[in-house]
Amino acid sequence: MSHIHEEKQKLLDHLVSVVEELLKNTKSAQISIKLRTLLRYAYVSYVKKTSDINVIRGLVPRVRPPAWLTNQYYYREIEMLLRNRFNAKIENRRQFRYVVFNKQQVSRR
């Protein structure tokens, strides 16, 4: 079980670096992205060991995260991390959960 916990922790670290990269490379003041997409970005970043957003976007359709990652408990963990670290808001739109980042609030930290 500890192996899975280690994997999850490494993935959370990659999630943070992916979000930082997204915020650094965007020009708009606010970013809105599906939570599921963000998890996929983090997983691709982790598996392929890259933080290049363009490479990650290109690989996302071909790489599928394992089932033990795509459950509601892990999503809640991710939400807590994003709220605490980036002051992100979680919104429900249609049937998806979106994460909204405000660039000004993040850059002040």
PDB file of N, CA and C in Angstrom:
ATOM      1  N   MET A   1       0.821  -1.208   0.000  1.00  0.00           N
ATOM      2  CA  MET A   1       0.000   0.000   0.000  1.00  0.00           C
ATOM      3  C   MET A   1       0.856   1.261   0.000  1.00  0.00           C
ATOM      4  N   SER A   2       2.020   1.196   0.659  1.00  0.00           N
ATOM      5  CA  SER A   2       2.865   2.378   0.731  1.00  0.00           C
ATOM      6  C   SER A   2       3.412   2.771  -0.646  1.00  0.00           C
ATOM      7  N   HIS A   3       3.568   1.775  -1.521  1.00  0.00           N
ATOM      8  CA  HIS A   3       4.022   2.066  -2.883  1.00  0.00           C
ATOM      9  C   HIS A   3       3.018   2.973  -3.596  1.00  0.00           C
ATOM     10  N   ILE A   4       1.729   2.646  -3.451  1.00  0.00           N
ATOM     11  CA  ILE A   4       0.689   3.466  -4.080  1.00  0.00           C
ATOM     12  C   ILE A   4       0.674   4.859  -3.464  1.00  0.00           C
ATOM     13  N   HIS A   5       0.856   4.925  -2.144  1.00  0.00           N
ATOM     14  CA  HIS A   5       0.891   6.231  -1.480  1.00  0.00           C
ATOM     15  C   HIS A   5       2.047   7.086  -2.008  1.00  0.00           C
ATOM     16  N   GLU A   6       3.212   6.455  -2.198  1.00  0.00           N
ATOM     17  CA  GLU A   6       4.375   7.158  -2.766  1.00  0.00           C
ATOM     18  C   GLU A   6       4.070   7.680  -4.166  1.00  0.00           C
ATOM     19  N   GLU A   7       3.457   6.817  -4.984  1.00  0.00           N
ATOM     20  CA  GLU A   7       3.099   7.201  -6.349  1.00  0.00           C
ATOM     21  C   GLU A   7       2.163   8.408  -6.339  1.00  0.00           C
ATOM     22  N   LYS A   8       1.173   8.347  -5.463  1.00  0.00           N
ATOM     23  CA  LYS A   8       0.197   9.442  -5.374  1.00  0.00           C
ATOM     24  C   LYS A   8       0.878  10.737  -4.964  1.00  0.00           C
ATOM     25  N   GLN A   9       1.829  10.640  -4.033  1.00  0.00           N
ATOM     26  CA  GLN A   9       2.532  11.833  -3.581  1.00  0.00           C
ATOM     27  C   GLN A   9       3.388  12.425  -4.705  1.00  0.00           C
ATOM     28  N   LYS A  10       4.068  11.562  -5.449  1.00  0.00           N
ATOM     29  CA  LYS A  10       4.871  12.026  -6.581  1.00  0.00           C
ATOM     30  C   LYS A  10       3.987  12.694  -7.620  1.00  0.00           C
ATOM     31  N   LEU A  11       2.813  12.109  -7.829  1.00  0.00           N
ATOM     32  CA  LEU A  11       1.872  12.673  -8.785  1.00  0.00           C
ATOM     33  C   LEU A  11       1.394  14.056  -8.339  1.00  0.00           C
ATOM     34  N   LEU A  12       1.158  14.222  -7.045  1.00  0.00           N
ATOM     35  CA  LEU A  12       0.757  15.532  -6.522  1.00  0.00           C
ATOM     36  C   LEU A  12       1.863  16.566  -6.748  1.00  0.00           C
ATOM     37  N   ASP A  13       3.115  16.137  -6.593  1.00  0.00           N
ATOM     38  CA  ASP A  13       4.241  17.040  -6.860  1.00  0.00           C
ATOM     39  C   ASP A  13       4.251  17.461  -8.331  1.00  0.00           C
ATOM     40  N   HIS A  14       3.990  16.514  -9.215  1.00  0.00           N
ATOM     41  CA  HIS A  14       3.940  16.827 -10.647  1.00  0.00           C
ATOM     42  C   HIS A  14       2.750  17.728 -10.957  1.00  0.00           C
ATOM     43  N   LEU A  15       1.661  17.512 -10.249  1.00  0.00           N
ATOM     44  CA  LEU A  15       0.475  18.355 -10.429  1.00  0.00           C
ATOM     45  C   LEU A  15       0.817  19.813 -10.125  1.00  0.00           C
ATOM     46  N   VAL A  16       1.534  20.036  -9.037  1.00  0.00           N
ATOM     47  CA  VAL A  16       1.937  21.395  -8.659  1.00  0.00           C
ATOM     48  C   VAL A  16       2.804  22.013  -9.753  1.00  0.00           C
ATOM     49  N   SER A  17       3.761  21.257 -10.270  1.00  0.00           N
ATOM     50  CA  SER A  17       4.641  21.819 -11.303  1.00  0.00           C
ATOM     51  C   SER A  17       3.883  22.080 -12.603  1.00  0.00           C
ATOM     52  N   VAL A  18       2.906  21.229 -12.933  1.00  0.00           N
ATOM     53  CA  VAL A  18       2.099  21.446 -14.141  1.00  0.00           C
ATOM     54  C   VAL A  18       1.274  22.722 -13.997  1.00  0.00           C
ATOM     55  N   VAL A  19       0.662  22.913 -12.825  1.00  0.00           N
ATOM     56  CA  VAL A  19      -0.142  24.124 -12.593  1.00  0.00           C
ATOM     57  C   VAL A  19       0.741  25.367 -12.661  1.00  0.00           C
ATOM     58  N   GLU A  20       1.924  25.295 -12.051  1.00  0.00           N
ATOM     59  CA  GLU A  20       2.850  26.437 -12.107  1.00  0.00           C
ATOM     60  C   GLU A  20       3.226  26.754 -13.549  1.00  0.00           C
ATOM     61  N   GLU A  21       3.460  25.719 -14.336  1.00  0.00           N
ATOM     62  CA  GLU A  21       3.814  25.885 -15.750  1.00  0.00           C
ATOM     63  C   GLU A  21       2.653  26.501 -16.529  1.00  0.00           C
ATOM     64  N   LEU A  22       1.441  26.021 -16.276  1.00  0.00           N
ATOM     65  CA  LEU A  22       0.254  26.575 -16.938  1.00  0.00           C
ATOM     66  C   LEU A  22       0.096  28.061 -16.605  1.00  0.00           C
ATOM     67  N   LEU A  23       0.259  28.393 -15.335  1.00  0.00           N
ATOM     68  CA  LEU A  23       0.102  29.790 -14.908  1.00  0.00           C
ATOM     69  C   LEU A  23       1.191  30.685 -15.501  1.00  0.00           C
ATOM     70  N   LYS A  24       2.385  30.116 -15.613  1.00  0.00           N
ATOM     71  CA  LYS A  24       3.516  30.894 -16.154  1.00  0.00           C
ATOM     72  C   LYS A  24       3.320  31.167 -17.647  1.00  0.00           C
ATOM     73  N   ASN A  25       2.754  30.188 -18.376  1.00  0.00           N
ATOM     74  CA  ASN A  25       2.662  30.296 -19.826  1.00  0.00           C
ATOM     75  C   ASN A  25       1.389  30.925 -20.356  1.00  0.00           C
ATOM     76  N   THR A  26       0.464  31.253 -19.471  1.00  0.00           N
ATOM     77  CA  THR A  26      -0.788  31.828 -19.956  1.00  0.00           C
ATOM     78  C   THR A  26      -0.769  33.341 -19.837  1.00  0.00           C
ATOM     79  N   LYS A  27      -1.470  33.999 -20.742  1.00  0.00           N
ATOM     80  CA  LYS A  27      -1.512  35.457 -20.718  1.00  0.00           C
ATOM     81  C   LYS A  27      -2.743  35.980 -19.983  1.00  0.00           C
ATOM     82  N   SER A  28      -3.790  35.163 -19.915  1.00  0.00           N
ATOM     83  CA  SER A  28      -5.025  35.627 -19.284  1.00  0.00           C
ATOM     84  C   SER A  28      -4.886  35.669 -17.760  1.00  0.00           C
ATOM     85  N   ALA A  29      -5.743  36.457 -17.136  1.00  0.00           N
ATOM     86  CA  ALA A  29      -5.690  36.638 -15.687  1.00  0.00           C
ATOM     87  C   ALA A  29      -6.293  35.453 -14.945  1.00  0.00           C
ATOM     88  N   GLN A  30      -7.130  34.712 -15.640  1.00  0.00           N
ATOM     89  CA  GLN A  30      -7.803  33.587 -14.999  1.00  0.00           C
ATOM     90  C   GLN A  30      -7.737  32.346 -15.898  1.00  0.00           C
ATOM     91  N   ILE A  31      -7.491  31.191 -15.271  1.00  0.00           N
ATOM     92  CA  ILE A  31      -7.475  29.928 -16.011  1.00  0.00           C
ATOM     93  C   ILE A  31      -8.562  29.046 -15.415  1.00  0.00           C
ATOM     94  N   SER A  32      -9.296  28.397 -16.294  1.00  0.00           N
ATOM     95  CA  SER A  32     -10.312  27.447 -15.861  1.00  0.00           C
ATOM     96  C   SER A  32     -10.040  26.136 -16.591  1.00  0.00           C
ATOM     97  N   ILE A  33      -9.904  25.053 -15.842  1.00  0.00           N
ATOM     98  CA  ILE A  33      -9.571  23.763 -16.443  1.00  0.00           C
ATOM     99  C   ILE A  33     -10.299  22.654 -15.692  1.00  0.00           C
ATOM    100  N   LYS A  34     -10.714  21.624 -16.436  1.00  0.00           N
ATOM    101  CA  LYS A  34     -11.381  20.494 -15.789  1.00  0.00           C
ATOM    102  C   LYS A  34     -10.414  19.807 -14.836  1.00  0.00           C
ATOM    103  N   LEU A  35     -10.931  19.409 -13.705  1.00  0.00           N
ATOM    104  CA  LEU A  35     -10.123  18.693 -12.718  1.00  0.00           C
ATOM    105  C   LEU A  35      -9.570  17.400 -13.316  1.00  0.00           C
ATOM    106  N   ARG A  36     -10.404  16.705 -14.087  1.00  0.00           N
ATOM    107  CA  ARG A  36      -9.986  15.454 -14.721  1.00  0.00           C
ATOM    108  C   ARG A  36      -8.826  15.691 -15.697  1.00  0.00           C
ATOM    109  N   THR A  37      -8.917  16.778 -16.461  1.00  0.00           N
ATOM    110  CA  THR A  37      -7.851  17.114 -17.413  1.00  0.00           C
ATOM    111  C   THR A  37      -6.552  17.423 -16.674  1.00  0.00           C
ATOM    112  N   LEU A  38      -6.671  18.142 -15.574  1.00  0.00           N
ATOM    113  CA  LEU A  38      -5.495  18.491 -14.777  1.00  0.00           C
ATOM    114  C   LEU A  38      -4.813  17.235 -14.237  1.00  0.00           C
ATOM    115  N   LEU A  39      -5.602  16.272 -13.796  1.00  0.00           N
ATOM    116  CA  LEU A  39      -5.042  15.004 -13.316  1.00  0.00           C
ATOM    117  C   LEU A  39      -4.336  14.281 -14.455  1.00  0.00           C
ATOM    118  N   ARG A  40      -4.943  14.287 -15.641  1.00  0.00           N
ATOM    119  CA  ARG A  40      -4.308  13.640 -16.794  1.00  0.00           C
ATOM    120  C   ARG A  40      -2.990  14.331 -17.152  1.00  0.00           C
ATOM    121  N   TYR A  41      -2.970  15.663 -17.130  1.00  0.00           N
ATOM    122  CA  TYR A  41      -1.731  16.411 -17.390  1.00  0.00           C
ATOM    123  C   TYR A  41      -0.650  15.983 -16.394  1.00  0.00           C
ATOM    124  N   ALA A  42      -1.029  15.925 -15.113  1.00  0.00           N
ATOM    125  CA  ALA A  42      -0.063  15.563 -14.076  1.00  0.00           C
ATOM    126  C   ALA A  42       0.449  14.139 -14.290  1.00  0.00           C
ATOM    127  N   TYR A  43      -0.448  13.240 -14.668  1.00  0.00           N
ATOM    128  CA  TYR A  43      -0.051  11.844 -14.875  1.00  0.00           C
ATOM    129  C   TYR A  43       0.924  11.720 -16.053  1.00  0.00           C
ATOM    130  N   VAL A  44       0.615  12.398 -17.149  1.00  0.00           N
ATOM    131  CA  VAL A  44       1.511  12.372 -18.315  1.00  0.00           C
ATOM    132  C   VAL A  44       2.862  12.971 -17.949  1.00  0.00           C
ATOM    133  N   SER A  45       2.833  14.086 -17.213  1.00  0.00           N
ATOM    134  CA  SER A  45       4.066  14.732 -16.771  1.00  0.00           C
ATOM    135  C   SER A  45       4.906  13.766 -15.933  1.00  0.00           C
ATOM    136  N   TYR A  46       4.224  13.022 -15.069  1.00  0.00           N
ATOM    137  CA  TYR A  46       4.903  12.072 -14.184  1.00  0.00           C
ATOM    138  C   TYR A  46       5.483  10.890 -14.967  1.00  0.00           C
ATOM    139  N   VAL A  47       4.670  10.310 -15.839  1.00  0.00           N
ATOM    140  CA  VAL A  47       5.098   9.121 -16.588  1.00  0.00           C
ATOM    141  C   VAL A  47       6.204   9.458 -17.582  1.00  0.00           C
ATOM    142  N   LYS A  48       6.055  10.566 -18.293  1.00  0.00           N
ATOM    143  CA  LYS A  48       7.019  10.931 -19.336  1.00  0.00           C
ATOM    144  C   LYS A  48       8.140  11.835 -18.830  1.00  0.00           C
ATOM    145  N   LYS A  49       8.059  12.198 -17.559  1.00  0.00           N
ATOM    146  CA  LYS A  49       9.084  13.036 -16.916  1.00  0.00           C
ATOM    147  C   LYS A  49       9.366  14.321 -17.701  1.00  0.00           C
ATOM    148  N   THR A  50       8.293  15.066 -17.969  1.00  0.00           N
ATOM    149  CA  THR A  50       8.430  16.338 -18.663  1.00  0.00           C
ATOM    150  C   THR A  50       7.515  17.364 -18.024  1.00  0.00           C
ATOM    151  N   SER A  51       7.899  18.625 -18.115  1.00  0.00           N
ATOM    152  CA  SER A  51       6.999  19.670 -17.625  1.00  0.00           C
ATOM    153  C   SER A  51       6.625  20.610 -18.771  1.00  0.00           C
ATOM    154  N   ASP A  52       6.970  20.224 -19.987  1.00  0.00           N
ATOM    155  CA  ASP A  52       6.635  21.021 -21.165  1.00  0.00           C
ATOM    156  C   ASP A  52       5.139  20.831 -21.489  1.00  0.00           C
ATOM    157  N   ILE A  53       4.377  21.901 -21.334  1.00  0.00           N
ATOM    158  CA  ILE A  53       2.919  21.837 -21.506  1.00  0.00           C
ATOM    159  C   ILE A  53       2.532  21.360 -22.907  1.00  0.00           C
ATOM    160  N   ASN A  54       3.243  21.795 -23.927  1.00  0.00           N
ATOM    161  CA  ASN A  54       2.912  21.385 -25.289  1.00  0.00           C
ATOM    162  C   ASN A  54       3.094  19.883 -25.492  1.00  0.00           C
ATOM    163  N   VAL A  55       4.159  19.341 -24.922  1.00  0.00           N
ATOM    164  CA  VAL A  55       4.401  17.894 -25.005  1.00  0.00           C
ATOM    165  C   VAL A  55       3.297  17.159 -24.249  1.00  0.00           C
ATOM    166  N   ILE A  56       2.971  17.650 -23.065  1.00  0.00           N
ATOM    167  CA  ILE A  56       1.936  17.014 -22.241  1.00  0.00           C
ATOM    168  C   ILE A  56       0.602  17.012 -22.977  1.00  0.00           C
ATOM    169  N   ARG A  57       0.222  18.155 -23.534  1.00  0.00           N
ATOM    170  CA  ARG A  57      -1.051  18.242 -24.267  1.00  0.00           C
ATOM    171  C   ARG A  57      -1.099  17.252 -25.428  1.00  0.00           C
ATOM    172  N   GLY A  58       0.027  17.061 -26.073  1.00  0.00           N
ATOM    173  CA  GLY A  58       0.079  16.137 -27.194  1.00  0.00           C
ATOM    174  C   GLY A  58      -0.054  14.680 -26.786  1.00  0.00           C
ATOM    175  N   LEU A  59       0.403  14.366 -25.575  1.00  0.00           N
ATOM    176  CA  LEU A  59       0.392  12.971 -25.125  1.00  0.00           C
ATOM    177  C   LEU A  59      -0.869  12.581 -24.357  1.00  0.00           C
ATOM    178  N   VAL A  60      -1.603  13.552 -23.844  1.00  0.00           N
ATOM    179  CA  VAL A  60      -2.781  13.264 -23.015  1.00  0.00           C
ATOM    180  C   VAL A  60      -3.765  12.295 -23.672  1.00  0.00           C
ATOM    181  N   PRO A  61      -4.101  12.436 -24.955  1.00  0.00           N
ATOM    182  CA  PRO A  61      -5.068  11.493 -25.534  1.00  0.00           C
ATOM    183  C   PRO A  61      -4.567  10.046 -25.575  1.00  0.00           C
ATOM    184  N   ARG A  62      -3.260   9.859 -25.568  1.00  0.00           N
ATOM    185  CA  ARG A  62      -2.696   8.513 -25.708  1.00  0.00           C
ATOM    186  C   ARG A  62      -2.392   7.827 -24.376  1.00  0.00           C
ATOM    187  N   VAL A  63      -2.293   8.605 -23.305  1.00  0.00           N
ATOM    188  CA  VAL A  63      -1.922   8.036 -22.007  1.00  0.00           C
ATOM    189  C   VAL A  63      -3.119   8.127 -21.060  1.00  0.00           C
ATOM    190  N   ARG A  64      -3.486   7.005 -20.483  1.00  0.00           N
ATOM    191  CA  ARG A  64      -4.653   6.969 -19.594  1.00  0.00           C
ATOM    192  C   ARG A  64      -4.208   6.661 -18.167  1.00  0.00           C
ATOM    193  N   PRO A  65      -4.605   7.503 -17.212  1.00  0.00           N
ATOM    194  CA  PRO A  65      -4.229   7.225 -15.820  1.00  0.00           C
ATOM    195  C   PRO A  65      -4.891   5.932 -15.318  1.00  0.00           C
ATOM    196  N   PRO A  66      -4.227   5.224 -14.423  1.00  0.00           N
ATOM    197  CA  PRO A  66      -4.806   3.979 -13.892  1.00  0.00           C
ATOM    198  C   PRO A  66      -6.046   4.245 -13.032  1.00  0.00           C
ATOM    199  N   ALA A  67      -6.853   3.225 -12.854  1.00  0.00           N
ATOM    200  CA  ALA A  67      -8.128   3.368 -12.140  1.00  0.00           C
ATOM    201  C   ALA A  67      -7.948   3.805 -10.687  1.00  0.00           C
ATOM    202  N   TRP A  68      -6.851   3.400 -10.039  1.00  0.00           N
ATOM    203  CA  TRP A  68      -6.673   3.762  -8.629  1.00  0.00           C
ATOM    204  C   TRP A  68      -6.416   5.259  -8.434  1.00  0.00           C
ATOM    205  N   LEU A  69      -6.182   5.956  -9.537  1.00  0.00           N
ATOM    206  CA  LEU A  69      -6.004   7.408  -9.454  1.00  0.00           C
ATOM    207  C   LEU A  69      -7.288   8.171  -9.731  1.00  0.00           C
ATOM    208  N   THR A  70      -8.153   7.585 -10.520  1.00  0.00           N
ATOM    209  CA  THR A  70      -9.336   8.327 -10.952  1.00  0.00           C
ATOM    210  C   THR A  70     -10.530   7.989 -10.075  1.00  0.00           C
ATOM    211  N   ASN A  71     -10.395   8.243  -8.793  1.00  0.00           N
ATOM    212  CA  ASN A  71     -11.524   8.038  -7.884  1.00  0.00           C
ATOM    213  C   ASN A  71     -11.791   9.326  -7.104  1.00  0.00           C
ATOM    214  N   GLN A  72     -12.955   9.426  -6.526  1.00  0.00           N
ATOM    215  CA  GLN A  72     -13.363  10.681  -5.911  1.00  0.00           C
ATOM    216  C   GLN A  72     -12.489  11.069  -4.724  1.00  0.00           C
ATOM    217  N   TYR A  73     -11.925  10.091  -4.013  1.00  0.00           N
ATOM    218  CA  TYR A  73     -11.099  10.417  -2.853  1.00  0.00           C
ATOM    219  C   TYR A  73      -9.823  11.131  -3.276  1.00  0.00           C
ATOM    220  N   TYR A  74      -9.235  10.640  -4.350  1.00  0.00           N
ATOM    221  CA  TYR A  74      -8.009  11.274  -4.838  1.00  0.00           C
ATOM    222  C   TYR A  74      -8.320  12.648  -5.434  1.00  0.00           C
ATOM    223  N   TYR A  75      -9.473  12.764  -6.106  1.00  0.00           N
ATOM    224  CA  TYR A  75      -9.880  14.068  -6.628  1.00  0.00           C
ATOM    225  C   TYR A  75     -10.049  15.073  -5.488  1.00  0.00           C
ATOM    226  N   ARG A  76     -10.625  14.652  -4.365  1.00  0.00           N
ATOM    227  CA  ARG A  76     -10.803  15.554  -3.212  1.00  0.00           C
ATOM    228  C   ARG A  76      -9.451  15.978  -2.653  1.00  0.00           C
ATOM    229  N   GLU A  77      -8.510  15.022  -2.641  1.00  0.00           N
ATOM    230  CA  GLU A  77      -7.150  15.329  -2.180  1.00  0.00           C
ATOM    231  C   GLU A  77      -6.514  16.405  -3.073  1.00  0.00           C
ATOM    232  N   ILE A  78      -6.694  16.244  -4.384  1.00  0.00           N
ATOM    233  CA  ILE A  78      -6.170  17.203  -5.348  1.00  0.00           C
ATOM    234  C   ILE A  78      -6.814  18.576  -5.132  1.00  0.00           C
ATOM    235  N   GLU A  79      -8.121  18.579  -4.938  1.00  0.00           N
ATOM    236  CA  GLU A  79      -8.832  19.844  -4.712  1.00  0.00           C
ATOM    237  C   GLU A  79      -8.285  20.569  -3.487  1.00  0.00           C
ATOM    238  N   MET A  80      -8.068  19.817  -2.396  1.00  0.00           N
ATOM    239  CA  MET A  80      -7.531  20.437  -1.178  1.00  0.00           C
ATOM    240  C   MET A  80      -6.161  21.045  -1.438  1.00  0.00           C
ATOM    241  N   LEU A  81      -5.312  20.298  -2.122  1.00  0.00           N
ATOM    242  CA  LEU A  81      -3.969  20.777  -2.438  1.00  0.00           C
ATOM    243  C   LEU A  81      -4.040  22.072  -3.258  1.00  0.00           C
ATOM    244  N   LEU A  82      -4.890  22.091  -4.289  1.00  0.00           N
ATOM    245  CA  LEU A  82      -4.987  23.258  -5.159  1.00  0.00           C
ATOM    246  C   LEU A  82      -5.558  24.466  -4.418  1.00  0.00           C
ATOM    247  N   ARG A  83      -6.532  24.215  -3.547  1.00  0.00           N
ATOM    248  CA  ARG A  83      -7.099  25.316  -2.752  1.00  0.00           C
ATOM    249  C   ARG A  83      -6.040  25.917  -1.833  1.00  0.00           C
ATOM    250  N   ASN A  84      -5.299  25.052  -1.157  1.00  0.00           N
ATOM    251  CA  ASN A  84      -4.298  25.518  -0.187  1.00  0.00           C
ATOM    252  C   ASN A  84      -3.102  26.165  -0.861  1.00  0.00           C
ATOM    253  N   ARG A  85      -2.622  25.555  -1.917  1.00  0.00           N
ATOM    254  CA  ARG A  85      -1.379  26.004  -2.549  1.00  0.00           C
ATOM    255  C   ARG A  85      -1.582  27.173  -3.503  1.00  0.00           C
ATOM    256  N   PHE A  86      -2.681  27.138  -4.280  1.00  0.00           N
ATOM    257  CA  PHE A  86      -2.874  28.144  -5.329  1.00  0.00           C
ATOM    258  C   PHE A  86      -4.108  29.011  -5.121  1.00  0.00           C
ATOM    259  N   ASN A  87      -4.795  28.821  -3.998  1.00  0.00           N
ATOM    260  CA  ASN A  87      -6.014  29.578  -3.716  1.00  0.00           C
ATOM    261  C   ASN A  87      -7.027  29.399  -4.858  1.00  0.00           C
ATOM    262  N   ALA A  88      -7.132  28.182  -5.344  1.00  0.00           N
ATOM    263  CA  ALA A  88      -8.009  27.883  -6.476  1.00  0.00           C
ATOM    264  C   ALA A  88      -9.449  27.705  -6.003  1.00  0.00           C
ATOM    265  N   LYS A  89     -10.369  27.968  -6.923  1.00  0.00           N
ATOM    266  CA  LYS A  89     -11.784  27.723  -6.641  1.00  0.00           C
ATOM    267  C   LYS A  89     -12.209  26.489  -7.435  1.00  0.00           C
ATOM    268  N   ILE A  90     -13.061  25.681  -6.835  1.00  0.00           N
ATOM    269  CA  ILE A  90     -13.597  24.496  -7.510  1.00  0.00           C
ATOM    270  C   ILE A  90     -15.047  24.801  -7.855  1.00  0.00           C
ATOM    271  N   GLU A  91     -15.393  24.625  -9.125  1.00  0.00           N
ATOM    272  CA  GLU A  91     -16.758  24.912  -9.570  1.00  0.00           C
ATOM    273  C   GLU A  91     -17.343  23.700 -10.271  1.00  0.00           C
ATOM    274  N   ASN A  92     -18.643  23.529 -10.115  1.00  0.00           N
ATOM    275  CA  ASN A  92     -19.352  22.495 -10.871  1.00  0.00           C
ATOM    276  C   ASN A  92     -20.013  23.158 -12.057  1.00  0.00           C
ATOM    277  N   ARG A  93     -19.670  22.708 -13.240  1.00  0.00           N
ATOM    278  CA  ARG A  93     -20.314  23.209 -14.455  1.00  0.00           C
ATOM    279  C   ARG A  93     -20.792  22.010 -15.248  1.00  0.00           C
ATOM    280  N   ARG A  94     -22.061  22.041 -15.593  1.00  0.00           N
ATOM    281  CA  ARG A  94     -22.681  20.876 -16.212  1.00  0.00           C
ATOM    282  C   ARG A  94     -22.379  19.661 -15.348  1.00  0.00           C
ATOM    283  N   GLN A  95     -21.791  18.615 -15.897  1.00  0.00           N
ATOM    284  CA  GLN A  95     -21.513  17.469 -15.029  1.00  0.00           C
ATOM    285  C   GLN A  95     -20.031  17.355 -14.669  1.00  0.00           C
ATOM    286  N   PHE A  96     -19.259  18.417 -14.869  1.00  0.00           N
ATOM    287  CA  PHE A  96     -17.825  18.363 -14.596  1.00  0.00           C
ATOM    288  C   PHE A  96     -17.415  19.315 -13.478  1.00  0.00           C
ATOM    289  N   ARG A  97     -16.312  18.979 -12.829  1.00  0.00           N
ATOM    290  CA  ARG A  97     -15.735  19.870 -11.817  1.00  0.00           C
ATOM    291  C   ARG A  97     -14.567  20.620 -12.456  1.00  0.00           C
ATOM    292  N   TYR A  98     -14.601  21.918 -12.335  1.00  0.00           N
ATOM    293  CA  TYR A  98     -13.556  22.765 -12.897  1.00  0.00           C
ATOM    294  C   TYR A  98     -12.749  23.404 -11.785  1.00  0.00           C
ATOM    295  N   VAL A  99     -11.468  23.630 -12.070  1.00  0.00           N
ATOM    296  CA  VAL A  99     -10.594  24.349 -11.153  1.00  0.00           C
ATOM    297  C   VAL A  99     -10.340  25.712 -11.785  1.00  0.00           C
ATOM    298  N   VAL A 100     -10.531  26.766 -11.006  1.00  0.00           N
ATOM    299  CA  VAL A 100     -10.333  28.124 -11.510  1.00  0.00           C
ATOM    300  C   VAL A 100      -9.184  28.763 -10.740  1.00  0.00           C
ATOM    301  N   PHE A 101      -8.169  29.177 -11.486  1.00  0.00           N
ATOM    302  CA  PHE A 101      -7.007  29.853 -10.896  1.00  0.00           C
ATOM    303  C   PHE A 101      -7.045  31.321 -11.276  1.00  0.00           C
ATOM    304  N   ASN A 102      -6.793  32.193 -10.310  1.00  0.00           N
ATOM    305  CA  ASN A 102      -6.627  33.616 -10.601  1.00  0.00           C
ATOM    306  C   ASN A 102      -5.143  33.918 -10.524  1.00  0.00           C
ATOM    307  N   LYS A 103      -4.606  34.435 -11.606  1.00  0.00           N
ATOM    308  CA  LYS A 103      -3.160  34.647 -11.702  1.00  0.00           C
ATOM    309  C   LYS A 103      -2.641  35.658 -10.685  1.00  0.00           C
ATOM    310  N   GLN A 104      -3.388  36.733 -10.436  1.00  0.00           N
ATOM    311  CA  GLN A 104      -2.932  37.771  -9.503  1.00  0.00           C
ATOM    312  C   GLN A 104      -2.754  37.212  -8.088  1.00  0.00           C
ATOM    313  N   GLN A 105      -3.716  36.432  -7.629  1.00  0.00           N
ATOM    314  CA  GLN A 105      -3.652  35.894  -6.269  1.00  0.00           C
ATOM    315  C   GLN A 105      -2.471  34.933  -6.103  1.00  0.00           C
ATOM    316  N   VAL A 106      -2.191  34.181  -7.133  1.00  0.00           N
ATOM    317  CA  VAL A 106      -1.110  33.188  -7.051  1.00  0.00           C
ATOM    318  C   VAL A 106       0.248  33.866  -7.060  1.00  0.00           C
ATOM    319  N   SER A 107       0.410  34.873  -7.927  1.00  0.00           N
ATOM    320  CA  SER A 107       1.737  35.475  -8.089  1.00  0.00           C
ATOM    321  C   SER A 107       2.180  36.272  -6.860  1.00  0.00           C
ATOM    322  N   ARG A 108       1.231  36.664  -6.015  1.00  0.00           N
ATOM    323  CA  ARG A 108       1.602  37.420  -4.819  1.00  0.00           C
ATOM    324  C   ARG A 108       2.285  36.538  -3.778  1.00  0.00           C
ATOM    325  N   ARG A 109       2.024  35.250  -3.822  1.00  0.00           N
ATOM    326  CA  ARG A 109       2.567  34.348  -2.799  1.00  0.00           C
ATOM    327  C   ARG A 109       4.034  34.105  -2.975  1.00  0.00           C
TER     328      ARG A 109
END
